[in-house]
Amino acid sequence: MAKRVGKMPEASSSGTRALFMGMECDFSLPVLEALIQHGIEVCAVVIPADGGSLPGIHVAPAILPKTPARQLRGALPMLSTTPTLSLVQQAWAHSIPVWQVRKLNDPETLATLSAYQADILCVACFSKIIPSSILNLPRLGSLNVHPSLLPANRGPLPIFWTLLAGEEQTGVTIHQLTDKLDSGPILAQEAIAVPEGIRYEELEALCARRGAQLLAQTVQDLVAGHSHAQPQDEAMSSYHPYPGDNEYVVNAHEWGARHLYNFIRGVASVERPVEVLCQDRYLLASDAISYSFHAEMKIMDAIQQDGHGEATIVCRDGHLRVYCI
């Protein structure tokens, strides 16, 4: 399995044509930028439609923002030409057409994407299951950037489950896309340490930057015939769905202070606090301030609120200072 280190090559025209599938999010954008910077010709960007009643695919050619929309042909109305999200803006800045797809298994979708004759399909955070008819279009196959060290933490939000488990290491994986979610052969991986107190968004951005460079290099290796895929070890695999309300409820006496500090720092907010159970009382923690392994209070004083939106919670091996709502 390839592991990439050192300086990345300067951008140059590789002659490789790539379709890119992503979303308007902070994970997709760095990946698109890396492909462009490495001289890989992104012939089109595909994003999922947000909804609406119009069937098929919608197109936005590379035009300036705020240009009035115009009907191209038939049932292909244009995507709004007033972009508000950075992925679309970046595509337009490089004269890359953007297709907003509502039905991936529609014959019109297949015909439209097939016409680009792409060498490879690159995916980074896409909310729809991609059918095999599209995955099999490019001659070099279809690659996905996944923010975990597969086969661990398959599923839609692996970073959340990394923080919930208190793992000190995660990573990014470049793997081939198959009909089974996050299970295709691995072409490259890179481990990433999880810094203490890192926010979810910061860890996601770190994984996106590392994954972007790793994907660009993997594409170049595939073109050169230097990349070799390895099957995933199913015995070591784990899958997690979207987290539910129960994943935001913790029993402080069962958690270590550092673990709980990192989890609250990572995922809690005023809009979605972590519900901490301590000495038969519940506290809504919106952020963590500090922790210590030297608890000096009695168990009956497990929660001490000071009237300033802060509280002290006794954990299994110490205590934790949090902001609460």
C-alpha atoms as a PDB file:
ATOM      1  CA  MET A   1       0.000   0.000   0.000  1.00  0.00           C
ATOM      2  CA  ALA A   2       1.485   3.297  -1.065  1.00  0.00           C
ATOM      3  CA  LYS A   3       2.279   5.960   1.529  1.00  0.00           C
ATOM      4  CA  ARG A   4       3.197   9.432   0.283  1.00  0.00           C
ATOM      5  CA  VAL A   5       5.783  11.702   1.856  1.00  0.00           C
ATOM      6  CA  GLY A   6       7.898  14.616   0.720  1.00  0.00           C
ATOM      7  CA  LYS A   7       7.341  17.483  -1.682  1.00  0.00           C
ATOM      8  CA  MET A   8       4.548  17.166  -4.200  1.00  0.00           C
ATOM      9  CA  PRO A   9       5.339  17.776  -7.878  1.00  0.00           C
ATOM     10  CA  GLU A  10       4.665  21.114  -9.505  1.00  0.00           C
ATOM     11  CA  ALA A  11       1.540  21.497 -11.583  1.00  0.00           C
ATOM     12  CA  SER A  12       1.893  20.487 -15.206  1.00  0.00           C
ATOM     13  CA  SER A  13      -0.404  19.264 -17.922  1.00  0.00           C
ATOM     14  CA  SER A  14      -0.687  15.498 -17.558  1.00  0.00           C
ATOM     15  CA  GLY A  15      -3.191  14.909 -20.326  1.00  0.00           C
ATOM     16  CA  THR A  16      -5.347  12.987 -17.830  1.00  0.00           C
ATOM     17  CA  ARG A  17      -9.056  13.782 -17.932  1.00  0.00           C
ATOM     18  CA  ALA A  18     -11.012  13.470 -14.683  1.00  0.00           C
ATOM     19  CA  LEU A  19     -14.637  13.771 -13.716  1.00  0.00           C
ATOM     20  CA  PHE A  20     -14.996  15.124 -10.189  1.00  0.00           C
ATOM     21  CA  MET A  21     -17.956  14.402  -7.906  1.00  0.00           C
ATOM     22  CA  GLY A  22     -18.278  16.354  -4.686  1.00  0.00           C
ATOM     23  CA  MET A  23     -20.439  18.680  -2.663  1.00  0.00           C
ATOM     24  CA  GLU A  24     -20.482  22.265  -1.515  1.00  0.00           C
ATOM     25  CA  CYS A  25     -18.434  21.523   1.594  1.00  0.00           C
ATOM     26  CA  ASP A  26     -14.974  22.070   3.029  1.00  0.00           C
ATOM     27  CA  PHE A  27     -13.920  18.494   2.286  1.00  0.00           C
ATOM     28  CA  SER A  28     -14.589  18.534  -1.460  1.00  0.00           C
ATOM     29  CA  LEU A  29     -12.996  21.875  -2.299  1.00  0.00           C
ATOM     30  CA  PRO A  30      -9.324  21.106  -1.425  1.00  0.00           C
ATOM     31  CA  VAL A  31      -9.544  17.885  -3.428  1.00  0.00           C
ATOM     32  CA  LEU A  32     -10.762  19.682  -6.542  1.00  0.00           C
ATOM     33  CA  GLU A  33      -8.044  22.312  -6.107  1.00  0.00           C
ATOM     34  CA  ALA A  34      -5.310  19.664  -5.787  1.00  0.00           C
ATOM     35  CA  LEU A  35      -6.361  17.939  -9.008  1.00  0.00           C
ATOM     36  CA  ILE A  36      -6.218  21.253 -10.853  1.00  0.00           C
ATOM     37  CA  GLN A  37      -2.866  22.223  -9.308  1.00  0.00           C
ATOM     38  CA  HIS A  38      -1.320  18.915 -10.352  1.00  0.00           C
ATOM     39  CA  GLY A  39      -2.218  19.453 -13.998  1.00  0.00           C
ATOM     40  CA  ILE A  40      -5.042  16.919 -14.091  1.00  0.00           C
ATOM     41  CA  GLU A  41      -7.716  18.143 -16.496  1.00  0.00           C
ATOM     42  CA  VAL A  42     -11.017  18.217 -14.633  1.00  0.00           C
ATOM     43  CA  CYS A  43     -13.466  18.040 -17.502  1.00  0.00           C
ATOM     44  CA  ALA A  44     -16.585  18.455 -15.350  1.00  0.00           C
ATOM     45  CA  VAL A  45     -17.702  18.813 -11.740  1.00  0.00           C
ATOM     46  CA  VAL A  46     -20.790  16.918 -10.604  1.00  0.00           C
ATOM     47  CA  ILE A  47     -22.728  17.901  -7.484  1.00  0.00           C
ATOM     48  CA  PRO A  48     -25.991  16.500  -6.090  1.00  0.00           C
ATOM     49  CA  ALA A  49     -29.147  18.510  -6.634  1.00  0.00           C
ATOM     50  CA  ASP A  50     -30.672  20.062  -3.548  1.00  0.00           C
ATOM     51  CA  GLY A  51     -34.173  19.003  -4.498  1.00  0.00           C
ATOM     52  CA  GLY A  52     -36.996  20.377  -6.590  1.00  0.00           C
ATOM     53  CA  SER A  53     -39.287  18.822  -9.141  1.00  0.00           C
ATOM     54  CA  LEU A  54     -37.114  19.056 -12.250  1.00  0.00           C
ATOM     55  CA  PRO A  55     -35.906  15.655 -13.505  1.00  0.00           C
ATOM     56  CA  GLY A  56     -32.502  14.715 -14.796  1.00  0.00           C
ATOM     57  CA  ILE A  57     -29.393  16.894 -14.817  1.00  0.00           C
ATOM     58  CA  HIS A  58     -28.947  20.644 -14.628  1.00  0.00           C
ATOM     59  CA  VAL A  59     -25.924  22.362 -16.104  1.00  0.00           C
ATOM     60  CA  ALA A  60     -23.994  25.526 -15.271  1.00  0.00           C
ATOM     61  CA  PRO A  61     -21.280  26.324 -17.832  1.00  0.00           C
ATOM     62  CA  ALA A  62     -18.210  28.327 -16.938  1.00  0.00           C
ATOM     63  CA  ILE A  63     -19.683  31.818 -16.841  1.00  0.00           C
ATOM     64  CA  LEU A  64     -19.351  34.786 -14.547  1.00  0.00           C
ATOM     65  CA  PRO A  65     -21.573  35.008 -11.461  1.00  0.00           C
ATOM     66  CA  LYS A  66     -24.834  36.952 -11.768  1.00  0.00           C
ATOM     67  CA  THR A  67     -25.105  36.355 -15.501  1.00  0.00           C
ATOM     68  CA  PRO A  68     -28.807  35.832 -16.248  1.00  0.00           C
ATOM     69  CA  ALA A  69     -29.744  32.181 -16.585  1.00  0.00           C
ATOM     70  CA  ARG A  70     -30.793  30.981 -20.009  1.00  0.00           C
ATOM     71  CA  GLN A  71     -32.390  27.768 -21.183  1.00  0.00           C
ATOM     72  CA  LEU A  72     -29.949  25.555 -23.079  1.00  0.00           C
ATOM     73  CA  ARG A  73     -32.197  22.868 -24.482  1.00  0.00           C
ATOM     74  CA  GLY A  74     -35.176  20.744 -23.608  1.00  0.00           C
ATOM     75  CA  ALA A  75     -35.246  19.525 -20.021  1.00  0.00           C
ATOM     76  CA  LEU A  76     -31.804  20.854 -19.068  1.00  0.00           C
ATOM     77  CA  PRO A  77     -32.438  24.175 -17.298  1.00  0.00           C
ATOM     78  CA  MET A  78     -29.345  25.916 -15.997  1.00  0.00           C
ATOM     79  CA  LEU A  79     -28.135  25.887 -12.437  1.00  0.00           C
ATOM     80  CA  SER A  80     -28.370  29.317 -10.839  1.00  0.00           C
ATOM     81  CA  THR A  81     -25.604  31.527 -12.186  1.00  0.00           C
ATOM     82  CA  THR A  82     -25.229  33.308  -8.855  1.00  0.00           C
ATOM     83  CA  PRO A  83     -22.968  30.860  -7.032  1.00  0.00           C
ATOM     84  CA  THR A  84     -22.917  31.099  -3.251  1.00  0.00           C
ATOM     85  CA  LEU A  85     -20.706  28.106  -2.562  1.00  0.00           C
ATOM     86  CA  SER A  86     -16.994  27.895  -3.153  1.00  0.00           C
ATOM     87  CA  LEU A  87     -16.811  24.576  -5.017  1.00  0.00           C
ATOM     88  CA  VAL A  88     -18.909  25.912  -7.874  1.00  0.00           C
ATOM     89  CA  GLN A  89     -17.022  29.215  -7.873  1.00  0.00           C
ATOM     90  CA  GLN A  90     -13.705  27.389  -8.120  1.00  0.00           C
ATOM     91  CA  ALA A  91     -14.947  25.277 -11.014  1.00  0.00           C
ATOM     92  CA  TRP A  92     -16.188  28.319 -12.899  1.00  0.00           C
ATOM     93  CA  ALA A  93     -12.924  30.155 -12.239  1.00  0.00           C
ATOM     94  CA  HIS A  94     -11.150  27.361 -14.152  1.00  0.00           C
ATOM     95  CA  SER A  95     -13.767  27.150 -16.921  1.00  0.00           C
ATOM     96  CA  ILE A  96     -15.007  23.787 -15.680  1.00  0.00           C
ATOM     97  CA  PRO A  97     -18.680  23.009 -16.315  1.00  0.00           C
ATOM     98  CA  VAL A  98     -20.751  22.091 -13.269  1.00  0.00           C
ATOM     99  CA  TRP A  99     -23.518  19.534 -13.484  1.00  0.00           C
ATOM    100  CA  GLN A 100     -26.100  19.323 -10.735  1.00  0.00           C
ATOM    101  CA  VAL A 101     -27.440  15.762 -10.742  1.00  0.00           C
ATOM    102  CA  ARG A 102     -30.770  14.688  -9.381  1.00  0.00           C
ATOM    103  CA  LYS A 103     -30.958  11.144 -10.787  1.00  0.00           C
ATOM    104  CA  LEU A 104     -27.676   9.303 -11.193  1.00  0.00           C
ATOM    105  CA  ASN A 105     -29.276   6.214 -12.714  1.00  0.00           C
ATOM    106  CA  ASP A 106     -31.117   8.189 -15.387  1.00  0.00           C
ATOM    107  CA  PRO A 107     -30.028   7.332 -18.974  1.00  0.00           C
ATOM    108  CA  GLU A 108     -29.547  11.046 -19.664  1.00  0.00           C
ATOM    109  CA  THR A 109     -27.098  11.270 -16.756  1.00  0.00           C
ATOM    110  CA  LEU A 110     -25.070   8.349 -18.074  1.00  0.00           C
ATOM    111  CA  ALA A 111     -25.031   9.742 -21.608  1.00  0.00           C
ATOM    112  CA  THR A 112     -24.005  13.200 -20.443  1.00  0.00           C
ATOM    113  CA  LEU A 113     -21.109  12.003 -18.288  1.00  0.00           C
ATOM    114  CA  SER A 114     -20.011   9.376 -20.784  1.00  0.00           C
ATOM    115  CA  ALA A 115     -19.577  12.067 -23.439  1.00  0.00           C
ATOM    116  CA  TYR A 116     -16.628  13.535 -21.501  1.00  0.00           C
ATOM    117  CA  GLN A 117     -14.593  10.343 -22.094  1.00  0.00           C
ATOM    118  CA  ALA A 118     -12.835  10.821 -18.768  1.00  0.00           C
ATOM    119  CA  ASP A 119      -9.853   8.676 -17.847  1.00  0.00           C
ATOM    120  CA  ILE A 120     -10.787   8.611 -14.168  1.00  0.00           C
ATOM    121  CA  LEU A 121     -13.607   9.532 -11.782  1.00  0.00           C
ATOM    122  CA  CYS A 122     -12.577  11.202  -8.501  1.00  0.00           C
ATOM    123  CA  VAL A 123     -15.006  11.474  -5.587  1.00  0.00           C
ATOM    124  CA  ALA A 124     -14.694  13.447  -2.357  1.00  0.00           C
ATOM    125  CA  CYS A 125     -17.789  13.692  -0.146  1.00  0.00           C
ATOM    126  CA  PHE A 126     -20.772  12.875  -2.345  1.00  0.00           C
ATOM    127  CA  SER A 127     -24.168  12.238  -0.772  1.00  0.00           C
ATOM    128  CA  LYS A 128     -25.607   9.859  -3.369  1.00  0.00           C
ATOM    129  CA  ILE A 129     -24.789   6.228  -4.078  1.00  0.00           C
ATOM    130  CA  ILE A 130     -23.032   6.152  -7.442  1.00  0.00           C
ATOM    131  CA  PRO A 131     -24.289   3.317  -9.674  1.00  0.00           C
ATOM    132  CA  SER A 132     -21.864   0.912 -11.308  1.00  0.00           C
ATOM    133  CA  SER A 133     -22.870   2.196 -14.733  1.00  0.00           C
ATOM    134  CA  ILE A 134     -21.103   5.472 -13.874  1.00  0.00           C
ATOM    135  CA  LEU A 135     -18.272   3.921 -11.844  1.00  0.00           C
ATOM    136  CA  ASN A 136     -17.307   1.797 -14.825  1.00  0.00           C
ATOM    137  CA  LEU A 137     -17.174   4.651 -17.332  1.00  0.00           C
ATOM    138  CA  PRO A 138     -13.521   5.747 -16.884  1.00  0.00           C
ATOM    139  CA  ARG A 139     -10.785   3.480 -18.191  1.00  0.00           C
ATOM    140  CA  LEU A 140      -8.715   3.926 -14.993  1.00  0.00           C
ATOM    141  CA  GLY A 141     -11.672   3.378 -12.702  1.00  0.00           C
ATOM    142  CA  SER A 142     -13.218   5.480  -9.938  1.00  0.00           C
ATOM    143  CA  LEU A 143     -11.431   6.657  -6.787  1.00  0.00           C
ATOM    144  CA  ASN A 144     -12.752   7.984  -3.491  1.00  0.00           C
ATOM    145  CA  VAL A 145     -11.090  10.007  -0.723  1.00  0.00           C
ATOM    146  CA  HIS A 146     -12.207   8.661   2.664  1.00  0.00           C
ATOM    147  CA  PRO A 147     -11.183  10.321   5.985  1.00  0.00           C
ATOM    148  CA  SER A 148     -10.213   7.216   7.939  1.00  0.00           C
ATOM    149  CA  LEU A 149      -7.720   4.382   7.749  1.00  0.00           C
ATOM    150  CA  LEU A 150      -9.937   1.875   5.995  1.00  0.00           C
ATOM    151  CA  PRO A 151     -11.239  -0.689   6.614  1.00  0.00           C
ATOM    152  CA  ALA A 152     -11.849   1.034   9.982  1.00  0.00           C
ATOM    153  CA  ASN A 153     -14.657   3.578  10.263  1.00  0.00           C
ATOM    154  CA  ARG A 154     -16.508   3.018   7.038  1.00  0.00           C
ATOM    155  CA  GLY A 155     -19.601   5.157   6.640  1.00  0.00           C
ATOM    156  CA  PRO A 156     -20.692   8.761   6.140  1.00  0.00           C
ATOM    157  CA  LEU A 157     -19.089  10.581   9.133  1.00  0.00           C
ATOM    158  CA  PRO A 158     -15.928   8.706  10.168  1.00  0.00           C
ATOM    159  CA  ILE A 159     -14.407  11.755  11.897  1.00  0.00           C
ATOM    160  CA  PHE A 160     -17.261  11.872  14.411  1.00  0.00           C
ATOM    161  CA  TRP A 161     -16.706   8.233  15.339  1.00  0.00           C
ATOM    162  CA  THR A 162     -12.959   8.813  15.608  1.00  0.00           C
ATOM    163  CA  LEU A 163     -13.607  11.523  18.214  1.00  0.00           C
ATOM    164  CA  LEU A 164     -16.271   9.476  19.999  1.00  0.00           C
ATOM    165  CA  ALA A 165     -13.859   6.558  20.374  1.00  0.00           C
ATOM    166  CA  GLY A 166     -11.086   8.829  21.619  1.00  0.00           C
ATOM    167  CA  GLU A 167      -8.690   7.594  18.949  1.00  0.00           C
ATOM    168  CA  GLU A 168      -5.326   9.352  18.827  1.00  0.00           C
ATOM    169  CA  GLN A 169      -4.776   8.538  15.170  1.00  0.00           C
ATOM    170  CA  THR A 170      -6.901   8.640  12.067  1.00  0.00           C
ATOM    171  CA  GLY A 171      -5.951   9.087   8.424  1.00  0.00           C
ATOM    172  CA  VAL A 172      -7.055   9.268   4.821  1.00  0.00           C
ATOM    173  CA  THR A 173      -7.510   6.464   2.312  1.00  0.00           C
ATOM    174  CA  ILE A 174      -7.667   6.494  -1.468  1.00  0.00           C
ATOM    175  CA  HIS A 175      -9.663   3.474  -2.583  1.00  0.00           C
ATOM    176  CA  GLN A 176     -11.432   2.191  -5.645  1.00  0.00           C
ATOM    177  CA  LEU A 177     -15.196   2.638  -5.639  1.00  0.00           C
ATOM    178  CA  THR A 178     -17.308  -0.504  -5.830  1.00  0.00           C
ATOM    179  CA  ASP A 179     -20.952  -1.377  -5.247  1.00  0.00           C
ATOM    180  CA  LYS A 180     -20.267  -1.869  -1.523  1.00  0.00           C
ATOM    181  CA  LEU A 181     -19.793   1.343   0.452  1.00  0.00           C
ATOM    182  CA  ASP A 182     -16.167   2.196   1.337  1.00  0.00           C
ATOM    183  CA  SER A 183     -15.071  -1.385   0.672  1.00  0.00           C
ATOM    184  CA  GLY A 184     -13.085  -1.160  -2.552  1.00  0.00           C
ATOM    185  CA  PRO A 185      -9.379  -2.013  -2.847  1.00  0.00           C
ATOM    186  CA  ILE A 186      -6.961   0.502  -1.328  1.00  0.00           C
ATOM    187  CA  LEU A 187      -4.390   2.327  -3.439  1.00  0.00           C
ATOM    188  CA  ALA A 188      -2.873   4.683  -0.852  1.00  0.00           C
ATOM    189  CA  GLN A 189      -3.180   5.651   2.809  1.00  0.00           C
ATOM    190  CA  GLU A 190      -1.668   8.204   5.133  1.00  0.00           C
ATOM    191  CA  ALA A 191      -1.967   8.220   8.928  1.00  0.00           C
ATOM    192  CA  ILE A 192      -2.823  11.486  10.702  1.00  0.00           C
ATOM    193  CA  ALA A 193      -2.376  12.173  14.416  1.00  0.00           C
ATOM    194  CA  VAL A 194      -5.446  13.598  16.141  1.00  0.00           C
ATOM    195  CA  PRO A 195      -4.229  16.703  18.015  1.00  0.00           C
ATOM    196  CA  GLU A 196      -5.565  17.241  21.515  1.00  0.00           C
ATOM    197  CA  GLY A 197      -8.585  19.540  21.630  1.00  0.00           C
ATOM    198  CA  ILE A 198      -9.016  19.734  17.857  1.00  0.00           C
ATOM    199  CA  ARG A 199     -12.415  20.767  16.526  1.00  0.00           C
ATOM    200  CA  TYR A 200     -14.342  18.544  14.143  1.00  0.00           C
ATOM    201  CA  GLU A 201     -14.044  21.126  11.376  1.00  0.00           C
ATOM    202  CA  GLU A 202     -10.293  21.454  11.900  1.00  0.00           C
ATOM    203  CA  LEU A 203      -9.725  17.701  11.760  1.00  0.00           C
ATOM    204  CA  GLU A 204     -11.920  17.442   8.672  1.00  0.00           C
ATOM    205  CA  ALA A 205      -9.907  20.208   6.991  1.00  0.00           C
ATOM    206  CA  LEU A 206      -6.649  18.461   7.891  1.00  0.00           C
ATOM    207  CA  CYS A 207      -7.902  15.186   6.419  1.00  0.00           C
ATOM    208  CA  ALA A 208      -9.139  16.996   3.314  1.00  0.00           C
ATOM    209  CA  ARG A 209      -5.771  18.653   2.652  1.00  0.00           C
ATOM    210  CA  ARG A 210      -3.825  15.425   3.136  1.00  0.00           C
ATOM    211  CA  GLY A 211      -6.339  13.425   1.136  1.00  0.00           C
ATOM    212  CA  ALA A 212      -6.294  15.933  -1.699  1.00  0.00           C
ATOM    213  CA  GLN A 213      -2.544  15.629  -2.198  1.00  0.00           C
ATOM    214  CA  LEU A 214      -2.674  11.859  -1.825  1.00  0.00           C
ATOM    215  CA  LEU A 215      -5.413  11.550  -4.440  1.00  0.00           C
ATOM    216  CA  ALA A 216      -3.564  13.737  -6.958  1.00  0.00           C
ATOM    217  CA  GLN A 217      -0.410  11.668  -6.567  1.00  0.00           C
ATOM    218  CA  THR A 218      -2.383   8.420  -6.800  1.00  0.00           C
ATOM    219  CA  VAL A 219      -3.972   9.535 -10.073  1.00  0.00           C
ATOM    220  CA  GLN A 220      -0.532  10.292 -11.467  1.00  0.00           C
ATOM    221  CA  ASP A 221       0.731   6.897 -10.297  1.00  0.00           C
ATOM    222  CA  LEU A 222      -2.210   5.152 -11.953  1.00  0.00           C
ATOM    223  CA  VAL A 223      -1.516   6.901 -15.240  1.00  0.00           C
ATOM    224  CA  ALA A 224       2.145   5.871 -15.011  1.00  0.00           C
ATOM    225  CA  GLY A 225       1.237   2.294 -14.095  1.00  0.00           C
ATOM    226  CA  HIS A 226       2.917   2.547 -10.691  1.00  0.00           C
ATOM    227  CA  SER A 227      -0.115   2.102  -8.444  1.00  0.00           C
ATOM    228  CA  HIS A 228      -1.198  -1.279  -7.092  1.00  0.00           C
ATOM    229  CA  ALA A 229      -4.461  -1.842  -5.233  1.00  0.00           C
ATOM    230  CA  GLN A 230      -4.737  -4.052  -2.170  1.00  0.00           C
ATOM    231  CA  PRO A 231      -8.029  -5.580  -1.003  1.00  0.00           C
ATOM    232  CA  GLN A 232      -9.403  -4.493   2.351  1.00  0.00           C
ATOM    233  CA  ASP A 233      -9.306  -6.910   5.258  1.00  0.00           C
ATOM    234  CA  GLU A 234     -12.969  -7.534   6.034  1.00  0.00           C
ATOM    235  CA  ALA A 235     -12.077  -9.072   9.388  1.00  0.00           C
ATOM    236  CA  MET A 236     -10.764  -5.664  10.486  1.00  0.00           C
ATOM    237  CA  SER A 237     -13.630  -3.618   9.096  1.00  0.00           C
ATOM    238  CA  SER A 238     -16.073  -1.444  11.003  1.00  0.00           C
ATOM    239  CA  TYR A 239     -19.046   0.581   9.811  1.00  0.00           C
ATOM    240  CA  HIS A 240     -20.880   3.472  11.489  1.00  0.00           C
ATOM    241  CA  PRO A 241     -24.026   5.251  10.283  1.00  0.00           C
ATOM    242  CA  TYR A 242     -24.926   8.881  10.883  1.00  0.00           C
ATOM    243  CA  PRO A 243     -24.748   9.555  14.641  1.00  0.00           C
ATOM    244  CA  GLY A 244     -28.044   9.850  16.469  1.00  0.00           C
ATOM    245  CA  ASP A 245     -29.086  11.612  19.646  1.00  0.00           C
ATOM    246  CA  ASN A 246     -27.760   8.757  21.810  1.00  0.00           C
ATOM    247  CA  GLU A 247     -24.219   9.399  20.616  1.00  0.00           C
ATOM    248  CA  TYR A 248     -24.399  12.866  22.183  1.00  0.00           C
ATOM    249  CA  VAL A 249     -25.239  11.489  25.641  1.00  0.00           C
ATOM    250  CA  VAL A 250     -22.332  10.365  27.851  1.00  0.00           C
ATOM    251  CA  ASN A 251     -21.892   9.154  31.427  1.00  0.00           C
ATOM    252  CA  ALA A 252     -19.013  11.175  32.856  1.00  0.00           C
ATOM    253  CA  HIS A 253     -18.063   8.525  35.413  1.00  0.00           C
ATOM    254  CA  GLU A 254     -17.404   6.024  32.604  1.00  0.00           C
ATOM    255  CA  TRP A 255     -15.181   8.383  30.629  1.00  0.00           C
ATOM    256  CA  GLY A 256     -11.605   9.496  31.131  1.00  0.00           C
ATOM    257  CA  ALA A 257     -11.137  13.239  31.539  1.00  0.00           C
ATOM    258  CA  ARG A 258      -8.945  13.635  28.445  1.00  0.00           C
ATOM    259  CA  HIS A 259     -11.274  11.521  26.309  1.00  0.00           C
ATOM    260  CA  LEU A 260     -14.351  13.514  27.344  1.00  0.00           C
ATOM    261  CA  TYR A 261     -12.495  16.814  26.890  1.00  0.00           C
ATOM    262  CA  ASN A 262     -11.521  15.925  23.334  1.00  0.00           C
ATOM    263  CA  PHE A 263     -14.995  14.640  22.443  1.00  0.00           C
ATOM    264  CA  ILE A 264     -16.791  17.745  23.703  1.00  0.00           C
ATOM    265  CA  ARG A 265     -14.209  20.028  22.099  1.00  0.00           C
ATOM    266  CA  GLY A 266     -14.571  18.110  18.860  1.00  0.00           C
ATOM    267  CA  VAL A 267     -18.316  17.846  18.362  1.00  0.00           C
ATOM    268  CA  ALA A 268     -20.226  20.009  20.862  1.00  0.00           C
ATOM    269  CA  SER A 269     -21.809  23.370  20.067  1.00  0.00           C
ATOM    270  CA  VAL A 270     -24.574  25.584  21.371  1.00  0.00           C
ATOM    271  CA  GLU A 271     -26.831  24.164  18.653  1.00  0.00           C
ATOM    272  CA  ARG A 272     -25.854  20.528  19.386  1.00  0.00           C
ATOM    273  CA  PRO A 273     -24.441  20.211  22.929  1.00  0.00           C
ATOM    274  CA  VAL A 274     -23.196  16.998  24.489  1.00  0.00           C
ATOM    275  CA  GLU A 275     -25.511  15.811  27.263  1.00  0.00           C
ATOM    276  CA  VAL A 276     -23.339  14.757  30.204  1.00  0.00           C
ATOM    277  CA  LEU A 277     -24.769  12.495  32.895  1.00  0.00           C
ATOM    278  CA  CYS A 278     -23.018  12.920  36.233  1.00  0.00           C
ATOM    279  CA  GLN A 279     -24.290  11.899  39.675  1.00  0.00           C
ATOM    280  CA  ASP A 280     -27.858  11.486  38.372  1.00  0.00           C
ATOM    281  CA  ARG A 281     -27.859  14.986  36.878  1.00  0.00           C
ATOM    282  CA  TYR A 282     -27.618  16.092  33.278  1.00  0.00           C
ATOM    283  CA  LEU A 283     -25.586  18.994  31.960  1.00  0.00           C
ATOM    284  CA  LEU A 284     -25.621  20.352  28.407  1.00  0.00           C
ATOM    285  CA  ALA A 285     -21.978  21.032  27.524  1.00  0.00           C
ATOM    286  CA  SER A 286     -21.423  23.282  24.513  1.00  0.00           C
ATOM    287  CA  ASP A 287     -17.616  23.352  24.800  1.00  0.00           C
ATOM    288  CA  ALA A 288     -14.771  22.076  26.967  1.00  0.00           C
ATOM    289  CA  ILE A 289     -12.302  24.433  28.622  1.00  0.00           C
ATOM    290  CA  SER A 290      -9.742  22.228  30.371  1.00  0.00           C
ATOM    291  CA  TYR A 291      -9.246  18.940  32.143  1.00  0.00           C
ATOM    292  CA  SER A 292      -7.139  17.561  34.968  1.00  0.00           C
ATOM    293  CA  PHE A 293      -6.278  14.120  36.275  1.00  0.00           C
ATOM    294  CA  HIS A 294      -6.283  15.394  39.859  1.00  0.00           C
ATOM    295  CA  ALA A 295      -9.883  15.488  41.032  1.00  0.00           C
ATOM    296  CA  GLU A 296     -10.106  17.329  44.349  1.00  0.00           C
ATOM    297  CA  MET A 297     -13.859  17.219  44.904  1.00  0.00           C
ATOM    298  CA  LYS A 298     -16.061  14.595  46.421  1.00  0.00           C
ATOM    299  CA  ILE A 299     -18.343  12.514  44.264  1.00  0.00           C
ATOM    300  CA  MET A 300     -21.380  14.315  45.736  1.00  0.00           C
ATOM    301  CA  ASP A 301     -19.991  17.528  44.252  1.00  0.00           C
ATOM    302  CA  ALA A 302     -19.699  15.985  40.821  1.00  0.00           C
ATOM    303  CA  ILE A 303     -21.249  18.992  39.110  1.00  0.00           C
ATOM    304  CA  GLN A 304     -20.355  22.460  40.328  1.00  0.00           C
ATOM    305  CA  GLN A 305     -21.783  25.393  38.438  1.00  0.00           C
ATOM    306  CA  ASP A 306     -20.387  28.832  39.119  1.00  0.00           C
ATOM    307  CA  GLY A 307     -23.128  30.996  37.607  1.00  0.00           C
ATOM    308  CA  HIS A 308     -21.014  32.116  34.657  1.00  0.00           C
ATOM    309  CA  GLY A 309     -22.049  29.464  32.155  1.00  0.00           C
ATOM    310  CA  GLU A 310     -19.250  27.157  33.328  1.00  0.00           C
ATOM    311  CA  ALA A 311     -19.254  23.904  35.255  1.00  0.00           C
ATOM    312  CA  THR A 312     -16.857  21.345  36.689  1.00  0.00           C
ATOM    313  CA  ILE A 313     -17.583  17.672  36.067  1.00  0.00           C
ATOM    314  CA  VAL A 314     -15.930  14.723  37.782  1.00  0.00           C
ATOM    315  CA  CYS A 315     -14.861  11.984  35.356  1.00  0.00           C
ATOM    316  CA  ARG A 316     -13.498   8.498  35.903  1.00  0.00           C
ATOM    317  CA  ASP A 317      -9.933   9.674  36.436  1.00  0.00           C
ATOM    318  CA  GLY A 318     -10.117  13.429  36.942  1.00  0.00           C
ATOM    319  CA  HIS A 319     -12.320  16.407  36.338  1.00  0.00           C
ATOM    320  CA  LEU A 320     -13.380  18.535  33.426  1.00  0.00           C
ATOM    321  CA  ARG A 321     -14.194  22.214  33.078  1.00  0.00           C
ATOM    322  CA  VAL A 322     -16.910  22.989  30.482  1.00  0.00           C
ATOM    323  CA  TYR A 323     -19.132  25.717  29.160  1.00  0.00           C
ATOM    324  CA  CYS A 324     -22.765  24.785  29.647  1.00  0.00           C
ATOM    325  CA  ILE A 325     -26.135  26.011  28.429  1.00  0.00           C
END
